[in-house]
Amino acid sequence: NWVRANPNVADGHVELARLYEEFGDKEAAEQSLHNALGVDESNFRAWTALGSLREQTGQYAFAIQNYQRSVKHNNFQPQVAQRIASLSRDLQTQTSATNNRTRMVNIPTTIQQR
């Protein structure tokens, strides 16, 4: 196993995470990505993969944060920048819709007679 032979190489952990994800083990994939970031906190591939996992599990705010960390370490990633923009729009739309529903709930249902 390449990762066991080279535990201080972050990319090995990222590749292992990709394999875990491919076989449906998102928990093991996430652990491998955290291992990669433990070796090299600036590994943009690990941040991108972690963002993707977060996105797949509906953790959009965390996905955006992970993608932003990735772009911070390598700003030439147009696909990642597009994911940040798209998720940010979606999150803003969801927040607006939630706020509108909350306001609708708080509108009085009876009208006082004069």
PDB file of N, CA and C in Angstrom:
ATOM      1  N   ASN A   1       0.842  -1.178   0.000  1.00  0.00           N
ATOM      2  CA  ASN A   1       0.000   0.000   0.000  1.00  0.00           C
ATOM      3  C   ASN A   1       0.883   1.235   0.000  1.00  0.00           C
ATOM      4  N   TRP A   2       0.681   2.087  -1.001  1.00  0.00           N
ATOM      5  CA  TRP A   2       1.510   3.275  -1.175  1.00  0.00           C
ATOM      6  C   TRP A   2       1.383   4.233   0.002  1.00  0.00           C
ATOM      7  N   VAL A   3       0.186   4.377   0.557  1.00  0.00           N
ATOM      8  CA  VAL A   3      -0.026   5.300   1.672  1.00  0.00           C
ATOM      9  C   VAL A   3       0.725   4.821   2.915  1.00  0.00           C
ATOM     10  N   ARG A   4       0.719   3.528   3.152  1.00  0.00           N
ATOM     11  CA  ARG A   4       1.454   2.996   4.314  1.00  0.00           C
ATOM     12  C   ARG A   4       2.954   3.186   4.141  1.00  0.00           C
ATOM     13  N   ALA A   5       3.417   3.020   2.931  1.00  0.00           N
ATOM     14  CA  ALA A   5       4.847   3.176   2.664  1.00  0.00           C
ATOM     15  C   ALA A   5       5.270   4.645   2.662  1.00  0.00           C
ATOM     16  N   ASN A   6       4.334   5.547   2.370  1.00  0.00           N
ATOM     17  CA  ASN A   6       4.624   6.983   2.277  1.00  0.00           C
ATOM     18  C   ASN A   6       3.572   7.781   3.048  1.00  0.00           C
ATOM     19  N   PRO A   7       3.477   7.608   4.356  1.00  0.00           N
ATOM     20  CA  PRO A   7       2.408   8.277   5.113  1.00  0.00           C
ATOM     21  C   PRO A   7       2.524   9.795   5.140  1.00  0.00           C
ATOM     22  N   ASN A   8       3.682  10.332   4.825  1.00  0.00           N
ATOM     23  CA  ASN A   8       3.868  11.784   4.851  1.00  0.00           C
ATOM     24  C   ASN A   8       3.704  12.441   3.484  1.00  0.00           C
ATOM     25  N   VAL A   9       3.050  11.738   2.578  1.00  0.00           N
ATOM     26  CA  VAL A   9       2.747  12.286   1.254  1.00  0.00           C
ATOM     27  C   VAL A   9       1.226  12.462   1.179  1.00  0.00           C
ATOM     28  N   ALA A  10       0.794  13.711   1.189  1.00  0.00           N
ATOM     29  CA  ALA A  10      -0.639  14.016   1.236  1.00  0.00           C
ATOM     30  C   ALA A  10      -1.403  13.453   0.038  1.00  0.00           C
ATOM     31  N   ASP A  11      -0.820  13.509  -1.146  1.00  0.00           N
ATOM     32  CA  ASP A  11      -1.533  13.051  -2.346  1.00  0.00           C
ATOM     33  C   ASP A  11      -1.918  11.580  -2.282  1.00  0.00           C
ATOM     34  N   GLY A  12      -1.141  10.774  -1.596  1.00  0.00           N
ATOM     35  CA  GLY A  12      -1.503   9.368  -1.421  1.00  0.00           C
ATOM     36  C   GLY A  12      -2.803   9.231  -0.641  1.00  0.00           C
ATOM     37  N   HIS A  13      -2.956  10.032   0.392  1.00  0.00           N
ATOM     38  CA  HIS A  13      -4.189  10.022   1.190  1.00  0.00           C
ATOM     39  C   HIS A  13      -5.379  10.515   0.365  1.00  0.00           C
ATOM     40  N   VAL A  14      -5.124  11.501  -0.493  1.00  0.00           N
ATOM     41  CA  VAL A  14      -6.195  12.027  -1.351  1.00  0.00           C
ATOM     42  C   VAL A  14      -6.655  10.943  -2.324  1.00  0.00           C
ATOM     43  N   GLU A  15      -5.710  10.235  -2.915  1.00  0.00           N
ATOM     44  CA  GLU A  15      -6.066   9.151  -3.850  1.00  0.00           C
ATOM     45  C   GLU A  15      -6.809   8.027  -3.135  1.00  0.00           C
ATOM     46  N   LEU A  16      -6.364   7.710  -1.929  1.00  0.00           N
ATOM     47  CA  LEU A  16      -7.050   6.678  -1.153  1.00  0.00           C
ATOM     48  C   LEU A  16      -8.486   7.124  -0.846  1.00  0.00           C
ATOM     49  N   ALA A  17      -8.665   8.389  -0.519  1.00  0.00           N
ATOM     50  CA  ALA A  17     -10.003   8.932  -0.265  1.00  0.00           C
ATOM     51  C   ALA A  17     -10.883   8.783  -1.502  1.00  0.00           C
ATOM     52  N   ARG A  18     -10.300   9.057  -2.667  1.00  0.00           N
ATOM     53  CA  ARG A  18     -11.060   8.921  -3.913  1.00  0.00           C
ATOM     54  C   ARG A  18     -11.539   7.481  -4.108  1.00  0.00           C
ATOM     55  N   LEU A  19     -10.673   6.524  -3.785  1.00  0.00           N
ATOM     56  CA  LEU A  19     -11.056   5.113  -3.907  1.00  0.00           C
ATOM     57  C   LEU A  19     -12.154   4.749  -2.904  1.00  0.00           C
ATOM     58  N   TYR A  20     -11.993   5.209  -1.664  1.00  0.00           N
ATOM     59  CA  TYR A  20     -13.035   4.953  -0.664  1.00  0.00           C
ATOM     60  C   TYR A  20     -14.379   5.516  -1.137  1.00  0.00           C
ATOM     61  N   GLU A  21     -14.342   6.722  -1.649  1.00  0.00           N
ATOM     62  CA  GLU A  21     -15.583   7.355  -2.116  1.00  0.00           C
ATOM     63  C   GLU A  21     -16.183   6.561  -3.277  1.00  0.00           C
ATOM     64  N   GLU A  22     -15.328   6.117  -4.171  1.00  0.00           N
ATOM     65  CA  GLU A  22     -15.793   5.338  -5.320  1.00  0.00           C
ATOM     66  C   GLU A  22     -16.520   4.070  -4.876  1.00  0.00           C
ATOM     67  N   PHE A  23     -16.071   3.493  -3.752  1.00  0.00           N
ATOM     68  CA  PHE A  23     -16.705   2.283  -3.231  1.00  0.00           C
ATOM     69  C   PHE A  23     -17.802   2.587  -2.208  1.00  0.00           C
ATOM     70  N   GLY A  24     -18.148   3.876  -2.078  1.00  0.00           N
ATOM     71  CA  GLY A  24     -19.281   4.250  -1.244  1.00  0.00           C
ATOM     72  C   GLY A  24     -18.990   4.455   0.227  1.00  0.00           C
ATOM     73  N   ASP A  25     -17.725   4.432   0.607  1.00  0.00           N
ATOM     74  CA  ASP A  25     -17.376   4.619   2.019  1.00  0.00           C
ATOM     75  C   ASP A  25     -16.955   6.067   2.259  1.00  0.00           C
ATOM     76  N   LYS A  26     -17.957   6.931   2.380  1.00  0.00           N
ATOM     77  CA  LYS A  26     -17.694   8.364   2.533  1.00  0.00           C
ATOM     78  C   LYS A  26     -16.994   8.684   3.860  1.00  0.00           C
ATOM     79  N   GLU A  27     -17.289   7.917   4.876  1.00  0.00           N
ATOM     80  CA  GLU A  27     -16.651   8.145   6.180  1.00  0.00           C
ATOM     81  C   GLU A  27     -15.141   7.898   6.106  1.00  0.00           C
ATOM     82  N   ALA A  28     -14.748   6.789   5.483  1.00  0.00           N
ATOM     83  CA  ALA A  28     -13.323   6.485   5.324  1.00  0.00           C
ATOM     84  C   ALA A  28     -12.668   7.504   4.379  1.00  0.00           C
ATOM     85  N   ALA A  29     -13.403   7.935   3.362  1.00  0.00           N
ATOM     86  CA  ALA A  29     -12.881   8.948   2.441  1.00  0.00           C
ATOM     87  C   ALA A  29     -12.599  10.243   3.197  1.00  0.00           C
ATOM     88  N   GLU A  30     -13.541  10.647   4.036  1.00  0.00           N
ATOM     89  CA  GLU A  30     -13.351  11.878   4.810  1.00  0.00           C
ATOM     90  C   GLU A  30     -12.144  11.756   5.744  1.00  0.00           C
ATOM     91  N   GLN A  31     -12.004  10.602   6.374  1.00  0.00           N
ATOM     92  CA  GLN A  31     -10.859  10.394   7.278  1.00  0.00           C
ATOM     93  C   GLN A  31      -9.541  10.484   6.508  1.00  0.00           C
ATOM     94  N   SER A  32      -9.497   9.907   5.319  1.00  0.00           N
ATOM     95  CA  SER A  32      -8.281   9.979   4.499  1.00  0.00           C
ATOM     96  C   SER A  32      -7.963  11.421   4.101  1.00  0.00           C
ATOM     97  N   LEU A  33      -8.992  12.195   3.829  1.00  0.00           N
ATOM     98  CA  LEU A  33      -8.772  13.599   3.472  1.00  0.00           C
ATOM     99  C   LEU A  33      -8.260  14.399   4.668  1.00  0.00           C
ATOM    100  N   HIS A  34      -8.787  14.096   5.848  1.00  0.00           N
ATOM    101  CA  HIS A  34      -8.274  14.756   7.052  1.00  0.00           C
ATOM    102  C   HIS A  34      -6.817  14.346   7.291  1.00  0.00           C
ATOM    103  N   ASN A  35      -6.498  13.091   6.998  1.00  0.00           N
ATOM    104  CA  ASN A  35      -5.107  12.637   7.116  1.00  0.00           C
ATOM    105  C   ASN A  35      -4.211  13.416   6.144  1.00  0.00           C
ATOM    106  N   ALA A  36      -4.704  13.602   4.930  1.00  0.00           N
ATOM    107  CA  ALA A  36      -3.932  14.360   3.926  1.00  0.00           C
ATOM    108  C   ALA A  36      -3.688  15.780   4.406  1.00  0.00           C
ATOM    109  N   LEU A  37      -4.722  16.405   4.960  1.00  0.00           N
ATOM    110  CA  LEU A  37      -4.587  17.775   5.440  1.00  0.00           C
ATOM    111  C   LEU A  37      -3.715  17.854   6.688  1.00  0.00           C
ATOM    112  N   GLY A  38      -3.665  16.765   7.436  1.00  0.00           N
ATOM    113  CA  GLY A  38      -2.760  16.697   8.580  1.00  0.00           C
ATOM    114  C   GLY A  38      -1.302  16.686   8.135  1.00  0.00           C
ATOM    115  N   VAL A  39      -1.050  16.091   6.978  1.00  0.00           N
ATOM    116  CA  VAL A  39       0.294  16.043   6.409  1.00  0.00           C
ATOM    117  C   VAL A  39       0.622  17.372   5.730  1.00  0.00           C
ATOM    118  N   ASP A  40      -0.350  17.922   4.980  1.00  0.00           N
ATOM    119  CA  ASP A  40      -0.119  19.155   4.216  1.00  0.00           C
ATOM    120  C   ASP A  40      -1.416  19.962   4.191  1.00  0.00           C
ATOM    121  N   GLU A  41      -1.511  20.925   5.091  1.00  0.00           N
ATOM    122  CA  GLU A  41      -2.730  21.715   5.209  1.00  0.00           C
ATOM    123  C   GLU A  41      -3.010  22.565   3.972  1.00  0.00           C
ATOM    124  N   SER A  42      -2.039  22.744   3.132  1.00  0.00           N
ATOM    125  CA  SER A  42      -2.234  23.555   1.929  1.00  0.00           C
ATOM    126  C   SER A  42      -2.520  22.713   0.683  1.00  0.00           C
ATOM    127  N   ASN A  43      -2.838  21.443   0.861  1.00  0.00           N
ATOM    128  CA  ASN A  43      -3.103  20.566  -0.277  1.00  0.00           C
ATOM    129  C   ASN A  43      -4.477  20.886  -0.864  1.00  0.00           C
ATOM    130  N   PHE A  44      -4.472  21.614  -1.962  1.00  0.00           N
ATOM    131  CA  PHE A  44      -5.732  22.058  -2.559  1.00  0.00           C
ATOM    132  C   PHE A  44      -6.592  20.898  -3.031  1.00  0.00           C
ATOM    133  N   ARG A  45      -5.960  19.805  -3.458  1.00  0.00           N
ATOM    134  CA  ARG A  45      -6.745  18.632  -3.900  1.00  0.00           C
ATOM    135  C   ARG A  45      -7.554  18.047  -2.750  1.00  0.00           C
ATOM    136  N   ALA A  46      -6.970  18.013  -1.558  1.00  0.00           N
ATOM    137  CA  ALA A  46      -7.684  17.497  -0.392  1.00  0.00           C
ATOM    138  C   ALA A  46      -8.848  18.416  -0.031  1.00  0.00           C
ATOM    139  N   TRP A  47      -8.606  19.751  -0.083  1.00  0.00           N
ATOM    140  CA  TRP A  47      -9.688  20.689   0.241  1.00  0.00           C
ATOM    141  C   TRP A  47     -10.827  20.576  -0.772  1.00  0.00           C
ATOM    142  N   THR A  48     -10.487  20.417  -2.045  1.00  0.00           N
ATOM    143  CA  THR A  48     -11.522  20.279  -3.071  1.00  0.00           C
ATOM    144  C   THR A  48     -12.321  18.997  -2.859  1.00  0.00           C
ATOM    145  N   ALA A  49     -11.633  17.902  -2.604  1.00  0.00           N
ATOM    146  CA  ALA A  49     -12.317  16.625  -2.393  1.00  0.00           C
ATOM    147  C   ALA A  49     -13.195  16.676  -1.145  1.00  0.00           C
ATOM    148  N   LEU A  50     -12.707  17.327  -0.087  1.00  0.00           N
ATOM    149  CA  LEU A  50     -13.504  17.449   1.136  1.00  0.00           C
ATOM    150  C   LEU A  50     -14.741  18.311   0.861  1.00  0.00           C
ATOM    151  N   GLY A  51     -14.577  19.371   0.084  1.00  0.00           N
ATOM    152  CA  GLY A  51     -15.724  20.187  -0.303  1.00  0.00           C
ATOM    153  C   GLY A  51     -16.753  19.384  -1.076  1.00  0.00           C
ATOM    154  N   SER A  52     -16.280  18.547  -1.959  1.00  0.00           N
ATOM    155  CA  SER A  52     -17.178  17.704  -2.738  1.00  0.00           C
ATOM    156  C   SER A  52     -17.953  16.737  -1.842  1.00  0.00           C
ATOM    157  N   LEU A  53     -17.265  16.140  -0.885  1.00  0.00           N
ATOM    158  CA  LEU A  53     -17.951  15.247   0.060  1.00  0.00           C
ATOM    159  C   LEU A  53     -19.008  15.998   0.851  1.00  0.00           C
ATOM    160  N   ARG A  54     -18.649  17.177   1.319  1.00  0.00           N
ATOM    161  CA  ARG A  54     -19.599  17.995   2.092  1.00  0.00           C
ATOM    162  C   ARG A  54     -20.816  18.352   1.220  1.00  0.00           C
ATOM    163  N   GLU A  55     -20.553  18.672  -0.020  1.00  0.00           N
ATOM    164  CA  GLU A  55     -21.648  19.018  -0.937  1.00  0.00           C
ATOM    165  C   GLU A  55     -22.573  17.821  -1.136  1.00  0.00           C
ATOM    166  N   GLN A  56     -21.997  16.637  -1.302  1.00  0.00           N
ATOM    167  CA  GLN A  56     -22.792  15.431  -1.509  1.00  0.00           C
ATOM    168  C   GLN A  56     -23.669  15.095  -0.311  1.00  0.00           C
ATOM    169  N   THR A  57     -23.231  15.501   0.867  1.00  0.00           N
ATOM    170  CA  THR A  57     -23.999  15.189   2.081  1.00  0.00           C
ATOM    171  C   THR A  57     -24.883  16.362   2.508  1.00  0.00           C
ATOM    172  N   GLY A  58     -25.002  17.378   1.652  1.00  0.00           N
ATOM    173  CA  GLY A  58     -25.894  18.486   1.937  1.00  0.00           C
ATOM    174  C   GLY A  58     -25.345  19.526   2.898  1.00  0.00           C
ATOM    175  N   GLN A  59     -24.071  19.468   3.185  1.00  0.00           N
ATOM    176  CA  GLN A  59     -23.440  20.434   4.087  1.00  0.00           C
ATOM    177  C   GLN A  59     -22.845  21.564   3.242  1.00  0.00           C
ATOM    178  N   TYR A  60     -23.731  22.353   2.647  1.00  0.00           N
ATOM    179  CA  TYR A  60     -23.312  23.326   1.641  1.00  0.00           C
ATOM    180  C   TYR A  60     -22.430  24.438   2.191  1.00  0.00           C
ATOM    181  N   ALA A  61     -22.722  24.932   3.365  1.00  0.00           N
ATOM    182  CA  ALA A  61     -21.898  26.005   3.939  1.00  0.00           C
ATOM    183  C   ALA A  61     -20.471  25.505   4.173  1.00  0.00           C
ATOM    184  N   PHE A  62     -20.345  24.274   4.676  1.00  0.00           N
ATOM    185  CA  PHE A  62     -19.008  23.703   4.882  1.00  0.00           C
ATOM    186  C   PHE A  62     -18.323  23.424   3.549  1.00  0.00           C
ATOM    187  N   ALA A  63     -19.102  22.996   2.557  1.00  0.00           N
ATOM    188  CA  ALA A  63     -18.532  22.749   1.222  1.00  0.00           C
ATOM    189  C   ALA A  63     -17.933  24.037   0.670  1.00  0.00           C
ATOM    190  N   ILE A  64     -18.666  25.130   0.810  1.00  0.00           N
ATOM    191  CA  ILE A  64     -18.169  26.422   0.324  1.00  0.00           C
ATOM    192  C   ILE A  64     -16.863  26.772   1.025  1.00  0.00           C
ATOM    193  N   GLN A  65     -16.821  26.589   2.345  1.00  0.00           N
ATOM    194  CA  GLN A  65     -15.604  26.895   3.101  1.00  0.00           C
ATOM    195  C   GLN A  65     -14.429  26.053   2.621  1.00  0.00           C
ATOM    196  N   ASN A  66     -14.684  24.753   2.389  1.00  0.00           N
ATOM    197  CA  ASN A  66     -13.612  23.879   1.919  1.00  0.00           C
ATOM    198  C   ASN A  66     -13.141  24.269   0.526  1.00  0.00           C
ATOM    199  N   TYR A  67     -14.085  24.575  -0.348  1.00  0.00           N
ATOM    200  CA  TYR A  67     -13.719  25.014  -1.695  1.00  0.00           C
ATOM    201  C   TYR A  67     -12.922  26.324  -1.644  1.00  0.00           C
ATOM    202  N   GLN A  68     -13.319  27.231  -0.766  1.00  0.00           N
ATOM    203  CA  GLN A  68     -12.587  28.493  -0.641  1.00  0.00           C
ATOM    204  C   GLN A  68     -11.158  28.261  -0.166  1.00  0.00           C
ATOM    205  N   ARG A  69     -10.979  27.311   0.744  1.00  0.00           N
ATOM    206  CA  ARG A  69      -9.614  26.986   1.198  1.00  0.00           C
ATOM    207  C   ARG A  69      -8.802  26.425   0.040  1.00  0.00           C
ATOM    208  N   SER A  70      -9.441  25.619  -0.794  1.00  0.00           N
ATOM    209  CA  SER A  70      -8.757  25.051  -1.957  1.00  0.00           C
ATOM    210  C   SER A  70      -8.283  26.153  -2.899  1.00  0.00           C
ATOM    211  N   VAL A  71      -9.177  27.089  -3.201  1.00  0.00           N
ATOM    212  CA  VAL A  71      -8.843  28.184  -4.110  1.00  0.00           C
ATOM    213  C   VAL A  71      -7.771  29.087  -3.498  1.00  0.00           C
ATOM    214  N   LYS A  72      -7.782  29.219  -2.189  1.00  0.00           N
ATOM    215  CA  LYS A  72      -6.753  30.018  -1.515  1.00  0.00           C
ATOM    216  C   LYS A  72      -5.361  29.445  -1.797  1.00  0.00           C
ATOM    217  N   HIS A  73      -5.270  28.122  -1.859  1.00  0.00           N
ATOM    218  CA  HIS A  73      -3.973  27.465  -2.061  1.00  0.00           C
ATOM    219  C   HIS A  73      -3.631  27.254  -3.537  1.00  0.00           C
ATOM    220  N   ASN A  74      -4.641  27.343  -4.395  1.00  0.00           N
ATOM    221  CA  ASN A  74      -4.405  27.249  -5.844  1.00  0.00           C
ATOM    222  C   ASN A  74      -5.559  27.969  -6.519  1.00  0.00           C
ATOM    223  N   ASN A  75      -5.322  29.213  -6.897  1.00  0.00           N
ATOM    224  CA  ASN A  75      -6.424  30.016  -7.427  1.00  0.00           C
ATOM    225  C   ASN A  75      -6.727  29.768  -8.901  1.00  0.00           C
ATOM    226  N   PHE A  76      -6.026  28.849  -9.532  1.00  0.00           N
ATOM    227  CA  PHE A  76      -6.331  28.521 -10.920  1.00  0.00           C
ATOM    228  C   PHE A  76      -7.168  27.241 -10.963  1.00  0.00           C
ATOM    229  N   GLN A  77      -8.407  27.362 -10.485  1.00  0.00           N
ATOM    230  CA  GLN A  77      -9.346  26.247 -10.480  1.00  0.00           C
ATOM    231  C   GLN A  77     -10.727  26.779 -10.855  1.00  0.00           C
ATOM    232  N   PRO A  78     -10.964  27.035 -12.127  1.00  0.00           N
ATOM    233  CA  PRO A  78     -12.246  27.639 -12.514  1.00  0.00           C
ATOM    234  C   PRO A  78     -13.465  26.802 -12.120  1.00  0.00           C
ATOM    235  N   GLN A  79     -13.322  25.467 -12.137  1.00  0.00           N
ATOM    236  CA  GLN A  79     -14.457  24.624 -11.772  1.00  0.00           C
ATOM    237  C   GLN A  79     -14.814  24.800 -10.298  1.00  0.00           C
ATOM    238  N   VAL A  80     -13.798  24.943  -9.462  1.00  0.00           N
ATOM    239  CA  VAL A  80     -14.041  25.116  -8.032  1.00  0.00           C
ATOM    240  C   VAL A  80     -14.665  26.486  -7.782  1.00  0.00           C
ATOM    241  N   ALA A  81     -14.167  27.494  -8.468  1.00  0.00           N
ATOM    242  CA  ALA A  81     -14.751  28.838  -8.336  1.00  0.00           C
ATOM    243  C   ALA A  81     -16.219  28.823  -8.761  1.00  0.00           C
ATOM    244  N   GLN A  82     -16.542  28.061  -9.794  1.00  0.00           N
ATOM    245  CA  GLN A  82     -17.935  27.950 -10.240  1.00  0.00           C
ATOM    246  C   GLN A  82     -18.792  27.255  -9.185  1.00  0.00           C
ATOM    247  N   ARG A  83     -18.239  26.227  -8.529  1.00  0.00           N
ATOM    248  CA  ARG A  83     -18.996  25.529  -7.473  1.00  0.00           C
ATOM    249  C   ARG A  83     -19.265  26.480  -6.310  1.00  0.00           C
ATOM    250  N   ILE A  84     -18.272  27.290  -5.950  1.00  0.00           N
ATOM    251  CA  ILE A  84     -18.457  28.260  -4.860  1.00  0.00           C
ATOM    252  C   ILE A  84     -19.593  29.216  -5.220  1.00  0.00           C
ATOM    253  N   ALA A  85     -19.557  29.760  -6.425  1.00  0.00           N
ATOM    254  CA  ALA A  85     -20.587  30.716  -6.857  1.00  0.00           C
ATOM    255  C   ALA A  85     -21.964  30.061  -6.884  1.00  0.00           C
ATOM    256  N   SER A  86     -22.043  28.871  -7.434  1.00  0.00           N
ATOM    257  CA  SER A  86     -23.325  28.180  -7.547  1.00  0.00           C
ATOM    258  C   SER A  86     -23.893  27.827  -6.170  1.00  0.00           C
ATOM    259  N   LEU A  87     -23.061  27.270  -5.316  1.00  0.00           N
ATOM    260  CA  LEU A  87     -23.531  26.911  -3.970  1.00  0.00           C
ATOM    261  C   LEU A  87     -23.906  28.149  -3.173  1.00  0.00           C
ATOM    262  N   SER A  88     -23.159  29.211  -3.331  1.00  0.00           N
ATOM    263  CA  SER A  88     -23.470  30.455  -2.618  1.00  0.00           C
ATOM    264  C   SER A  88     -24.836  30.980  -3.045  1.00  0.00           C
ATOM    265  N   ARG A  89     -25.104  30.948  -4.348  1.00  0.00           N
ATOM    266  CA  ARG A  89     -26.424  31.370  -4.847  1.00  0.00           C
ATOM    267  C   ARG A  89     -27.520  30.470  -4.291  1.00  0.00           C
ATOM    268  N   ASP A  90     -27.291  29.163  -4.344  1.00  0.00           N
ATOM    269  CA  ASP A  90     -28.294  28.216  -3.848  1.00  0.00           C
ATOM    270  C   ASP A  90     -28.554  28.415  -2.361  1.00  0.00           C
ATOM    271  N   LEU A  91     -27.504  28.618  -1.612  1.00  0.00           N
ATOM    272  CA  LEU A  91     -27.635  28.822  -0.170  1.00  0.00           C
ATOM    273  C   LEU A  91     -28.387  30.112   0.116  1.00  0.00           C
ATOM    274  N   GLN A  92     -28.092  31.152  -0.647  1.00  0.00           N
ATOM    275  CA  GLN A  92     -28.780  32.430  -0.466  1.00  0.00           C
ATOM    276  C   GLN A  92     -30.263  32.289  -0.801  1.00  0.00           C
ATOM    277  N   THR A  93     -30.578  31.548  -1.863  1.00  0.00           N
ATOM    278  CA  THR A  93     -31.966  31.322  -2.251  1.00  0.00           C
ATOM    279  C   THR A  93     -32.695  30.537  -1.171  1.00  0.00           C
ATOM    280  N   GLN A  94     -32.047  29.499  -0.637  1.00  0.00           N
ATOM    281  CA  GLN A  94     -32.656  28.706   0.432  1.00  0.00           C
ATOM    282  C   GLN A  94     -32.909  29.558   1.666  1.00  0.00           C
ATOM    283  N   THR A  95     -31.944  30.388   2.013  1.00  0.00           N
ATOM    284  CA  THR A  95     -32.074  31.247   3.184  1.00  0.00           C
ATOM    285  C   THR A  95     -33.213  32.233   2.987  1.00  0.00           C
ATOM    286  N   SER A  96     -33.314  32.812   1.796  1.00  0.00           N
ATOM    287  CA  SER A  96     -34.399  33.754   1.508  1.00  0.00           C
ATOM    288  C   SER A  96     -35.748  33.055   1.587  1.00  0.00           C
ATOM    289  N   ALA A  97     -35.841  31.870   1.035  1.00  0.00           N
ATOM    290  CA  ALA A  97     -37.094  31.122   1.067  1.00  0.00           C
ATOM    291  C   ALA A  97     -37.477  30.771   2.496  1.00  0.00           C
ATOM    292  N   THR A  98     -36.502  30.375   3.297  1.00  0.00           N
ATOM    293  CA  THR A  98     -36.769  30.049   4.701  1.00  0.00           C
ATOM    294  C   THR A  98     -37.241  31.287   5.450  1.00  0.00           C
ATOM    295  N   ASN A  99     -36.585  32.413   5.220  1.00  0.00           N
ATOM    296  CA  ASN A  99     -36.989  33.658   5.875  1.00  0.00           C
ATOM    297  C   ASN A  99     -38.400  34.065   5.462  1.00  0.00           C
ATOM    298  N   ASN A 100     -38.738  33.892   4.190  1.00  0.00           N
ATOM    299  CA  ASN A 100     -40.083  34.230   3.722  1.00  0.00           C
ATOM    300  C   ASN A 100     -41.132  33.342   4.372  1.00  0.00           C
ATOM    301  N   ARG A 101     -40.832  32.048   4.499  1.00  0.00           N
ATOM    302  CA  ARG A 101     -41.773  31.130   5.155  1.00  0.00           C
ATOM    303  C   ARG A 101     -41.951  31.517   6.615  1.00  0.00           C
ATOM    304  N   THR A 102     -40.866  31.902   7.270  1.00  0.00           N
ATOM    305  CA  THR A 102     -40.940  32.303   8.667  1.00  0.00           C
ATOM    306  C   THR A 102     -41.804  33.548   8.808  1.00  0.00           C
ATOM    307  N   ARG A 103     -41.623  34.509   7.921  1.00  0.00           N
ATOM    308  CA  ARG A 103     -42.439  35.723   7.970  1.00  0.00           C
ATOM    309  C   ARG A 103     -43.894  35.405   7.714  1.00  0.00           C
ATOM    310  N   MET A 104     -44.162  34.480   6.802  1.00  0.00           N
ATOM    311  CA  MET A 104     -45.536  34.101   6.502  1.00  0.00           C
ATOM    312  C   MET A 104     -46.191  33.490   7.736  1.00  0.00           C
ATOM    313  N   VAL A 105     -45.455  32.699   8.476  1.00  0.00           N
ATOM    314  CA  VAL A 105     -45.983  32.066   9.683  1.00  0.00           C
ATOM    315  C   VAL A 105     -46.317  33.124  10.719  1.00  0.00           C
ATOM    316  N   ASN A 106     -45.562  34.209  10.766  1.00  0.00           N
ATOM    317  CA  ASN A 106     -45.757  35.241  11.776  1.00  0.00           C
ATOM    318  C   ASN A 106     -46.818  36.275  11.409  1.00  0.00           C
ATOM    319  N   ILE A 107     -47.386  36.196  10.219  1.00  0.00           N
ATOM    320  CA  ILE A 107     -48.439  37.126   9.822  1.00  0.00           C
ATOM    321  C   ILE A 107     -49.711  36.731  10.551  1.00  0.00           C
ATOM    322  N   PRO A 108     -50.374  37.684  11.201  1.00  0.00           N
ATOM    323  CA  PRO A 108     -51.619  37.358  11.913  1.00  0.00           C
ATOM    324  C   PRO A 108     -52.655  36.811  10.947  1.00  0.00           C
ATOM    325  N   THR A 109     -53.399  35.833  11.401  1.00  0.00           N
ATOM    326  CA  THR A 109     -54.402  35.212  10.534  1.00  0.00           C
ATOM    327  C   THR A 109     -55.771  35.847  10.708  1.00  0.00           C
ATOM    328  N   THR A 110     -55.957  36.620  11.743  1.00  0.00           N
ATOM    329  CA  THR A 110     -57.247  37.299  11.919  1.00  0.00           C
ATOM    330  C   THR A 110     -57.048  38.788  11.784  1.00  0.00           C
ATOM    331  N   ILE A 111     -58.052  39.427  11.290  1.00  0.00           N
ATOM    332  CA  ILE A 111     -58.010  40.876  11.143  1.00  0.00           C
ATOM    333  C   ILE A 111     -58.939  41.458  12.205  1.00  0.00           C
ATOM    334  N   GLN A 112     -58.409  42.385  12.953  1.00  0.00           N
ATOM    335  CA  GLN A 112     -59.217  43.004  14.000  1.00  0.00           C
ATOM    336  C   GLN A 112     -60.281  43.885  13.360  1.00  0.00           C
ATOM    337  N   GLN A 113     -61.460  43.802  13.908  1.00  0.00           N
ATOM    338  CA  GLN A 113     -62.533  44.661  13.406  1.00  0.00           C
ATOM    339  C   GLN A 113     -62.478  45.992  14.117  1.00  0.00           C
ATOM    340  N   ARG A 114     -62.798  47.041  13.395  1.00  0.00           N
ATOM    341  CA  ARG A 114     -62.781  48.392  13.976  1.00  0.00           C
ATOM    342  C   ARG A 114     -64.099  48.763  14.534  1.00  0.00           C
TER     343      ARG A 114
END
